[in-house]
C-alpha atoms as a PDB file:
ATOM      1  CA  MET A   1      -4.285  10.062  19.190  1.00  0.00           C
ATOM      2  CA  LYS A   2      -8.063   9.618  18.926  1.00  0.00           C
ATOM      3  CA  GLU A   3      -8.057  11.481  15.590  1.00  0.00           C
ATOM      4  CA  LEU A   4      -5.329   9.194  14.241  1.00  0.00           C
ATOM      5  CA  LYS A   5      -7.272   6.120  15.348  1.00  0.00           C
ATOM      6  CA  ASN A   6     -10.365   7.380  13.509  1.00  0.00           C
ATOM      7  CA  ILE A   7      -8.337   7.991  10.335  1.00  0.00           C
ATOM      8  CA  ILE A   8      -6.918   4.464  10.411  1.00  0.00           C
ATOM      9  CA  ILE A   9     -10.380   3.025  10.998  1.00  0.00           C
ATOM     10  CA  LYS A  10     -11.711   4.962   7.999  1.00  0.00           C
ATOM     11  CA  ILE A  11      -9.015   3.436   5.819  1.00  0.00           C
ATOM     12  CA  SER A  12      -9.020  -0.114   7.194  1.00  0.00           C
ATOM     13  CA  ASP A  13     -12.444  -0.676   8.798  1.00  0.00           C
ATOM     14  CA  ASN A  14     -14.341  -3.856   7.882  1.00  0.00           C
ATOM     15  CA  SER A  15     -11.376  -5.193   5.941  1.00  0.00           C
ATOM     16  CA  THR A  16     -10.193  -8.782   5.658  1.00  0.00           C
ATOM     17  CA  LEU A  17      -6.764  -7.348   6.367  1.00  0.00           C
ATOM     18  CA  SER A  18      -7.645  -6.126   9.871  1.00  0.00           C
ATOM     19  CA  TYR A  19      -9.498  -9.267  10.888  1.00  0.00           C
ATOM     20  CA  LYS A  20      -6.867 -11.700   9.762  1.00  0.00           C
ATOM     21  CA  PHE A  21      -4.029  -9.592  11.095  1.00  0.00           C
ATOM     22  CA  PHE A  22      -5.272  -9.689  14.663  1.00  0.00           C
ATOM     23  CA  LYS A  23      -6.239 -13.357  14.311  1.00  0.00           C
ATOM     24  CA  SER A  24      -2.720 -14.190  13.127  1.00  0.00           C
ATOM     25  CA  ILE A  25      -0.608 -12.009  15.398  1.00  0.00           C
ATOM     26  CA  TYR A  26       2.236 -14.475  15.232  1.00  0.00           C
ATOM     27  CA  VAL A  27       2.703 -13.607  11.562  1.00  0.00           C
ATOM     28  CA  PHE A  28       3.317 -10.013  12.602  1.00  0.00           C
ATOM     29  CA  LEU A  29       6.020 -11.150  15.035  1.00  0.00           C
ATOM     30  CA  VAL A  30       7.774 -13.180  12.369  1.00  0.00           C
ATOM     31  CA  ILE A  31       7.752 -10.216   9.998  1.00  0.00           C
ATOM     32  CA  ASN A  32       9.210  -7.947  12.636  1.00  0.00           C
ATOM     33  CA  PHE A  33      12.030 -10.423  13.210  1.00  0.00           C
ATOM     34  CA  ILE A  34      12.841 -10.377   9.485  1.00  0.00           C
ATOM     35  CA  LEU A  35      12.411  -6.604   9.339  1.00  0.00           C
ATOM     36  CA  LEU A  36      14.652  -5.883  12.312  1.00  0.00           C
ATOM     37  CA  SER A  37      17.442  -8.110  11.040  1.00  0.00           C
ATOM     38  CA  GLY A  38      17.149  -6.487   7.605  1.00  0.00           C
ATOM     39  CA  CYS A  39      17.150  -2.961   9.054  1.00  0.00           C
ATOM     40  CA  SER A  40      20.302  -3.648  11.052  1.00  0.00           C
ATOM     41  CA  ASN A  41      22.065  -4.539   7.820  1.00  0.00           C
ATOM     42  CA  LEU A  42      20.759  -1.422   6.112  1.00  0.00           C
ATOM     43  CA  LYS A  43      22.015   0.822   8.889  1.00  0.00           C
ATOM     44  CA  ARG A  44      25.515  -0.559   8.413  1.00  0.00           C
ATOM     45  CA  ASN A  45      25.583   0.309   4.731  1.00  0.00           C
ATOM     46  CA  GLU A  46      23.508   3.119   3.249  1.00  0.00           C
ATOM     47  CA  ASP A  47      24.495   2.006  -0.246  1.00  0.00           C
ATOM     48  CA  LEU A  48      23.209  -1.534   0.245  1.00  0.00           C
ATOM     49  CA  ASN A  49      20.767  -2.745  -2.395  1.00  0.00           C
ATOM     50  CA  ILE A  50      17.473  -3.158  -0.552  1.00  0.00           C
ATOM     51  CA  CYS A  51      16.233  -5.857  -2.891  1.00  0.00           C
ATOM     52  CA  SER A  52      19.254  -8.053  -2.190  1.00  0.00           C
ATOM     53  CA  SER A  53      18.645  -7.775   1.559  1.00  0.00           C
ATOM     54  CA  THR A  54      14.986  -8.733   1.914  1.00  0.00           C
ATOM     55  CA  LYS A  55      12.818 -11.781   1.360  1.00  0.00           C
ATOM     56  CA  PHE A  56       9.882  -9.595   0.359  1.00  0.00           C
ATOM     57  CA  PRO A  57       9.109  -8.975  -3.339  1.00  0.00           C
ATOM     58  CA  CYS A  58      11.121  -5.881  -4.211  1.00  0.00           C
ATOM     59  CA  LEU A  59      11.468  -3.563  -7.224  1.00  0.00           C
ATOM     60  CA  THR A  60      13.590  -0.418  -7.479  1.00  0.00           C
ATOM     61  CA  SER A  61      12.357   0.594 -10.944  1.00  0.00           C
ATOM     62  CA  ASN A  62       9.330   2.655 -11.913  1.00  0.00           C
ATOM     63  CA  GLU A  63       6.519   0.265 -12.791  1.00  0.00           C
ATOM     64  CA  TYR A  64       3.162   0.754 -14.485  1.00  0.00           C
ATOM     65  CA  VAL A  65      -0.129  -0.979 -13.752  1.00  0.00           C
ATOM     66  CA  LEU A  66      -3.444  -0.689 -15.564  1.00  0.00           C
ATOM     67  CA  LEU A  67      -6.636  -1.128 -13.547  1.00  0.00           C
ATOM     68  CA  ILE A  68      -9.542  -2.050 -15.800  1.00  0.00           C
ATOM     69  CA  THR A  69     -12.674  -1.242 -13.804  1.00  0.00           C
ATOM     70  CA  ASN A  70     -16.382  -1.363 -14.535  1.00  0.00           C
ATOM     71  CA  LYS A  71     -16.247   2.457 -14.806  1.00  0.00           C
ATOM     72  CA  GLY A  72     -13.192   2.665 -17.095  1.00  0.00           C
ATOM     73  CA  LYS A  73      -9.398   2.377 -17.128  1.00  0.00           C
ATOM     74  CA  ILE A  74      -7.001   3.778 -14.533  1.00  0.00           C
ATOM     75  CA  LYS A  75      -3.246   3.795 -15.167  1.00  0.00           C
ATOM     76  CA  LEU A  76      -0.842   3.844 -12.237  1.00  0.00           C
ATOM     77  CA  GLU A  77       2.838   4.738 -12.025  1.00  0.00           C
ATOM     78  CA  LEU A  78       4.649   3.089  -9.108  1.00  0.00           C
ATOM     79  CA  PHE A  79       7.862   4.498  -7.637  1.00  0.00           C
ATOM     80  CA  GLY A  80      10.179   1.612  -6.864  1.00  0.00           C
ATOM     81  CA  LYS A  81      13.159   3.740  -5.893  1.00  0.00           C
ATOM     82  CA  ALA A  82      11.234   5.401  -3.063  1.00  0.00           C
ATOM     83  CA  ALA A  83       9.170   2.368  -2.006  1.00  0.00           C
ATOM     84  CA  PRO A  84      10.813  -0.826  -3.340  1.00  0.00           C
ATOM     85  CA  ILE A  85       9.142  -3.348  -1.025  1.00  0.00           C
ATOM     86  CA  THR A  86       5.690  -1.752  -1.296  1.00  0.00           C
ATOM     87  CA  VAL A  87       5.941  -1.599  -5.092  1.00  0.00           C
ATOM     88  CA  GLY A  88       7.355  -5.128  -5.270  1.00  0.00           C
ATOM     89  CA  ASN A  89       4.488  -6.451  -3.168  1.00  0.00           C
ATOM     90  CA  PHE A  90       1.854  -4.627  -5.235  1.00  0.00           C
ATOM     91  CA  VAL A  91       3.253  -5.775  -8.593  1.00  0.00           C
ATOM     92  CA  ASP A  92       3.618  -9.343  -7.320  1.00  0.00           C
ATOM     93  CA  LEU A  93      -0.066  -9.351  -6.332  1.00  0.00           C
ATOM     94  CA  VAL A  94      -1.034  -7.835  -9.689  1.00  0.00           C
ATOM     95  CA  GLU A  95       0.835 -10.573 -11.548  1.00  0.00           C
ATOM     96  CA  LYS A  96      -0.822 -13.255  -9.412  1.00  0.00           C
ATOM     97  CA  GLY A  97      -4.245 -11.870 -10.345  1.00  0.00           C
ATOM     98  CA  SER A  98      -4.978 -10.949  -6.739  1.00  0.00           C
ATOM     99  CA  TYR A  99      -6.796  -7.732  -7.695  1.00  0.00           C
ATOM    100  CA  ASN A 100      -8.906  -9.245 -10.453  1.00  0.00           C
ATOM    101  CA  LYS A 101     -12.626  -9.243  -9.641  1.00  0.00           C
ATOM    102  CA  THR A 102     -12.207  -7.351  -6.361  1.00  0.00           C
ATOM    103  CA  ILE A 103     -14.399  -4.474  -5.291  1.00  0.00           C
ATOM    104  CA  PHE A 104     -13.790  -0.921  -4.171  1.00  0.00           C
ATOM    105  CA  ASN A 105     -15.114  -1.562  -0.702  1.00  0.00           C
ATOM    106  CA  ARG A 106     -14.700   1.850   0.894  1.00  0.00           C
ATOM    107  CA  VAL A 107     -15.341   5.151  -0.857  1.00  0.00           C
ATOM    108  CA  ILE A 108     -15.489   8.304   1.241  1.00  0.00           C
ATOM    109  CA  LYS A 109     -16.583  11.517  -0.494  1.00  0.00           C
ATOM    110  CA  LYS A 110     -18.580  13.233   2.257  1.00  0.00           C
ATOM    111  CA  PRO A 111     -18.360  15.571   4.122  1.00  0.00           C
ATOM    112  CA  TYR A 112     -15.338  16.122   1.846  1.00  0.00           C
ATOM    113  CA  PRO A 113     -13.431  13.971  -0.666  1.00  0.00           C
ATOM    114  CA  PHE A 114     -11.211  11.506   1.165  1.00  0.00           C
ATOM    115  CA  ILE A 115     -10.276   8.149  -0.387  1.00  0.00           C
ATOM    116  CA  VAL A 116     -11.260   5.338  -2.725  1.00  0.00           C
ATOM    117  CA  ARG A 117     -10.058   2.037  -1.273  1.00  0.00           C
ATOM    118  CA  GLY A 118      -9.585  -1.055  -3.420  1.00  0.00           C
ATOM    119  CA  GLY A 119      -8.300  -4.595  -3.291  1.00  0.00           C
ATOM    120  CA  GLY A 120     -10.796  -6.053  -0.845  1.00  0.00           C
ATOM    121  CA  ASN A 121     -13.672  -8.516  -0.787  1.00  0.00           C
ATOM    122  CA  SER A 122     -13.171 -10.744  -3.792  1.00  0.00           C
ATOM    123  CA  LEU A 123     -16.281 -11.039  -5.947  1.00  0.00           C
ATOM    124  CA  ILE A 124     -15.586 -14.740  -6.382  1.00  0.00           C
ATOM    125  CA  GLY A 125     -14.658 -15.461  -2.778  1.00  0.00           C
ATOM    126  CA  ASP A 126     -11.174 -16.759  -3.561  1.00  0.00           C
ATOM    127  CA  GLU A 127      -9.255 -16.659  -0.284  1.00  0.00           C
ATOM    128  CA  LYS A 128      -6.014 -17.463  -2.112  1.00  0.00           C
ATOM    129  CA  LYS A 129      -5.971 -13.880  -3.336  1.00  0.00           C
ATOM    130  CA  PHE A 130      -4.765 -12.839   0.111  1.00  0.00           C
ATOM    131  CA  ILE A 131      -2.203 -15.619   0.572  1.00  0.00           C
ATOM    132  CA  ASP A 132       1.498 -15.924  -0.134  1.00  0.00           C
ATOM    133  CA  ILE A 133       1.256 -19.230  -1.993  1.00  0.00           C
ATOM    134  CA  LYS A 134       4.839 -20.275  -1.186  1.00  0.00           C
ATOM    135  CA  LYS A 135       4.265 -19.981   2.568  1.00  0.00           C
ATOM    136  CA  GLY A 136       0.529 -20.621   2.684  1.00  0.00           C
ATOM    137  CA  LYS A 137       0.070 -17.530   4.836  1.00  0.00           C
ATOM    138  CA  ILE A 138      -0.906 -13.902   4.426  1.00  0.00           C
ATOM    139  CA  ARG A 139       2.099 -11.730   3.613  1.00  0.00           C
ATOM    140  CA  TYR A 140       2.284  -8.496   5.562  1.00  0.00           C
ATOM    141  CA  ILE A 141       4.822  -5.842   4.575  1.00  0.00           C
ATOM    142  CA  PRO A 142       6.511  -3.180   6.710  1.00  0.00           C
ATOM    143  CA  LEU A 143       5.577   0.474   6.701  1.00  0.00           C
ATOM    144  CA  GLU A 144       8.014   2.002   4.198  1.00  0.00           C
ATOM    145  CA  ILE A 145       8.635   5.769   3.998  1.00  0.00           C
ATOM    146  CA  LYS A 146      11.555   7.464   2.300  1.00  0.00           C
ATOM    147  CA  LEU A 147      12.938  10.827   3.358  1.00  0.00           C
ATOM    148  CA  LYS A 148      14.492  13.023   0.667  1.00  0.00           C
ATOM    149  CA  LYS A 149      17.799  13.293   2.514  1.00  0.00           C
ATOM    150  CA  ASN A 150      18.211   9.518   2.929  1.00  0.00           C
ATOM    151  CA  ASN A 151      19.363   6.989   0.344  1.00  0.00           C
ATOM    152  CA  LEU A 152      17.135   4.282   1.818  1.00  0.00           C
ATOM    153  CA  PRO A 153      13.549   4.284   3.105  1.00  0.00           C
ATOM    154  CA  THR A 154      12.725   4.090   6.790  1.00  0.00           C
ATOM    155  CA  TYR A 155      11.039   0.856   7.835  1.00  0.00           C
ATOM    156  CA  GLY A 156       8.651  -0.195  10.554  1.00  0.00           C
ATOM    157  CA  ARG A 157       7.944   3.105  12.258  1.00  0.00           C
ATOM    158  CA  VAL A 158       5.652   6.086  11.913  1.00  0.00           C
ATOM    159  CA  ILE A 159       7.350   9.388  11.092  1.00  0.00           C
ATOM    160  CA  ASP A 160       5.871  12.094  13.276  1.00  0.00           C
ATOM    161  CA  SER A 161       8.410  14.875  13.755  1.00  0.00           C
ATOM    162  CA  SER A 162       7.558  17.980  11.726  1.00  0.00           C
ATOM    163  CA  SER A 163      11.066  18.302  10.287  1.00  0.00           C
ATOM    164  CA  GLN A 164      11.024  14.737   8.976  1.00  0.00           C
ATOM    165  CA  ILE A 165       7.455  14.976   7.672  1.00  0.00           C
ATOM    166  CA  ASN A 166       8.494  18.004   5.611  1.00  0.00           C
ATOM    167  CA  ASN A 167      11.221  15.874   4.016  1.00  0.00           C
ATOM    168  CA  ILE A 168       9.081  12.875   3.061  1.00  0.00           C
ATOM    169  CA  GLU A 169       9.605  12.134  -0.616  1.00  0.00           C
ATOM    170  CA  LEU A 170       6.116  10.818  -1.465  1.00  0.00           C
ATOM    171  CA  LYS A 171       3.245  12.616   0.220  1.00  0.00           C
ATOM    172  CA  HIS A 172      -0.509  12.162   0.332  1.00  0.00           C
ATOM    173  CA  LYS A 173      -1.653  14.325  -2.564  1.00  0.00           C
ATOM    174  CA  ARG A 174      -4.701  14.027  -4.799  1.00  0.00           C
ATOM    175  CA  SER A 175      -4.306  11.139  -7.261  1.00  0.00           C
ATOM    176  CA  TYR A 176      -1.553   9.452  -5.209  1.00  0.00           C
ATOM    177  CA  LEU A 177      -1.655   5.812  -4.179  1.00  0.00           C
ATOM    178  CA  SER A 178      -0.999   4.511  -0.658  1.00  0.00           C
ATOM    179  CA  MET A 179      -1.275   1.228   1.242  1.00  0.00           C
ATOM    180  CA  ALA A 180      -4.096   0.645   3.703  1.00  0.00           C
ATOM    181  CA  ARG A 181      -3.237  -0.998   7.006  1.00  0.00           C
ATOM    182  CA  SER A 182      -4.713  -1.730  10.417  1.00  0.00           C
ATOM    183  CA  GLN A 183      -3.541   0.097  13.546  1.00  0.00           C
ATOM    184  CA  ALA A 184      -0.493  -2.178  13.641  1.00  0.00           C
ATOM    185  CA  VAL A 185       2.285  -0.420  11.736  1.00  0.00           C
ATOM    186  CA  ASN A 186       3.561  -3.404   9.725  1.00  0.00           C
ATOM    187  CA  SER A 187       0.189  -4.762   8.589  1.00  0.00           C
ATOM    188  CA  ALA A 188      -0.179  -3.663   4.947  1.00  0.00           C
ATOM    189  CA  ASN A 189      -1.044  -6.528   2.631  1.00  0.00           C
ATOM    190  CA  LEU A 190      -3.400  -6.223  -0.325  1.00  0.00           C
ATOM    191  CA  GLN A 191      -5.625  -3.200   0.116  1.00  0.00           C
ATOM    192  CA  PHE A 192      -4.656   0.211  -1.242  1.00  0.00           C
ATOM    193  CA  TYR A 193      -6.334   3.580  -1.526  1.00  0.00           C
ATOM    194  CA  ILE A 194      -6.283   6.483  -3.961  1.00  0.00           C
ATOM    195  CA  LEU A 195      -6.414  10.028  -2.581  1.00  0.00           C
ATOM    196  CA  LEU A 196      -9.346  12.169  -3.735  1.00  0.00           C
ATOM    197  CA  LYS A 197      -7.677  15.257  -2.241  1.00  0.00           C
ATOM    198  CA  SER A 198      -4.405  16.138  -0.550  1.00  0.00           C
ATOM    199  CA  LEU A 199      -4.400  14.779   3.018  1.00  0.00           C
ATOM    200  CA  PRO A 200      -1.180  15.854   4.754  1.00  0.00           C
ATOM    201  CA  GLU A 201      -2.473  14.424   8.046  1.00  0.00           C
ATOM    202  CA  LEU A 202      -1.697  10.971   6.623  1.00  0.00           C
ATOM    203  CA  ASP A 203       1.936  11.792   5.780  1.00  0.00           C
ATOM    204  CA  GLY A 204       4.386   9.668   7.753  1.00  0.00           C
ATOM    205  CA  ARG A 205       1.662   7.235   8.803  1.00  0.00           C
ATOM    206  CA  PHE A 206       0.939   5.340   5.596  1.00  0.00           C
ATOM    207  CA  ALA A 207       3.171   4.264   2.699  1.00  0.00           C
ATOM    208  CA  VAL A 208       2.642   6.260  -0.497  1.00  0.00           C
ATOM    209  CA  PHE A 209       4.077   4.331  -3.446  1.00  0.00           C
ATOM    210  CA  GLY A 210       2.553   5.605  -6.691  1.00  0.00           C
ATOM    211  CA  LYS A 211       0.044   7.837  -8.402  1.00  0.00           C
ATOM    212  CA  VAL A 212      -2.685   7.840 -11.032  1.00  0.00           C
ATOM    213  CA  ILE A 213      -1.208   9.135 -14.300  1.00  0.00           C
ATOM    214  CA  SER A 214      -4.377   8.720 -16.375  1.00  0.00           C
ATOM    215  CA  GLY A 215      -7.978   8.002 -15.492  1.00  0.00           C
ATOM    216  CA  MET A 216      -8.370  10.197 -12.415  1.00  0.00           C
ATOM    217  CA  ASP A 217     -11.727  11.199 -13.878  1.00  0.00           C
ATOM    218  CA  ILE A 218     -12.668   7.515 -13.604  1.00  0.00           C
ATOM    219  CA  VAL A 219     -11.503   7.405  -9.977  1.00  0.00           C
ATOM    220  CA  ASP A 220     -13.824  10.332  -9.228  1.00  0.00           C
ATOM    221  CA  LEU A 221     -16.750   8.312 -10.586  1.00  0.00           C
ATOM    222  CA  ILE A 222     -16.147   5.218  -8.475  1.00  0.00           C
ATOM    223  CA  GLU A 223     -18.652   4.295  -5.782  1.00  0.00           C
ATOM    224  CA  GLU A 224     -18.652   1.467  -3.241  1.00  0.00           C
ATOM    225  CA  GLU A 225     -19.264  -1.919  -4.873  1.00  0.00           C
ATOM    226  CA  ASP A 226     -17.725  -0.817  -8.181  1.00  0.00           C
ATOM    227  CA  PHE A 227     -14.972  -3.264  -9.017  1.00  0.00           C
ATOM    228  CA  ILE A 228     -11.682  -4.056 -10.720  1.00  0.00           C
ATOM    229  CA  ILE A 229     -12.230  -6.382 -13.650  1.00  0.00           C
ATOM    230  CA  GLU A 230      -8.522  -6.894 -14.192  1.00  0.00           C
ATOM    231  CA  ALA A 231      -5.218  -5.390 -13.005  1.00  0.00           C
ATOM    232  CA  LYS A 232      -2.180  -5.915 -15.189  1.00  0.00           C
ATOM    233  CA  ARG A 233       1.419  -4.776 -15.453  1.00  0.00           C
ATOM    234  CA  VAL A 234       1.994  -2.663 -18.560  1.00  0.00           C
ATOM    235  CA  ASP A 235       4.748  -0.668 -20.273  1.00  0.00           C
ATOM    236  CA  SER A 236       5.125   3.042 -19.721  1.00  0.00           C
END
């Protein structure tokens, strides 16, 4: 348990996400109400279209995003079928310009390669980057993990049994993309991280939703305080 806590702190420490989540705990409760009602519907029908059953942004298609950084370009492929709410949230934020002029605020390469975390600490101090404009509040999304044997992802809970972990569709491998969160399970918002090496200890605990398909050499060059100039949705 202590090791897990340290891992989560490494990914989410000093983030706007963590601070505002605990300050606005009522938002978490509202999300869980929506999530639980949505999950009950999903359990009744495994063929239900997730995107027609949630108020979160949702995409079931593969999407592509280009991160233009001060070190070079990084192209991402996002897997909507396996992580529709996580991908929908990410693309929605990209299209709102939420990642433009934000820094890579946590880069861990020692004692071994770990992660590059992005999407935090706006260079221009625009708090609206973290806000769902329609509601005027931060939007938190549920932990979303899909098992190979299931038609739909699992929501709102950590997967910790060895048999289920072995069947996770998207795992924490080098070049893959996952959502950062605080210790609260359903607290992902804006920040994401790219894996610098395979980290199976994170499988089942964080939501993997894409991977770097070009520019991993650029990711390897990134240091803390490097930044995203622009993030934009692109064709394959």
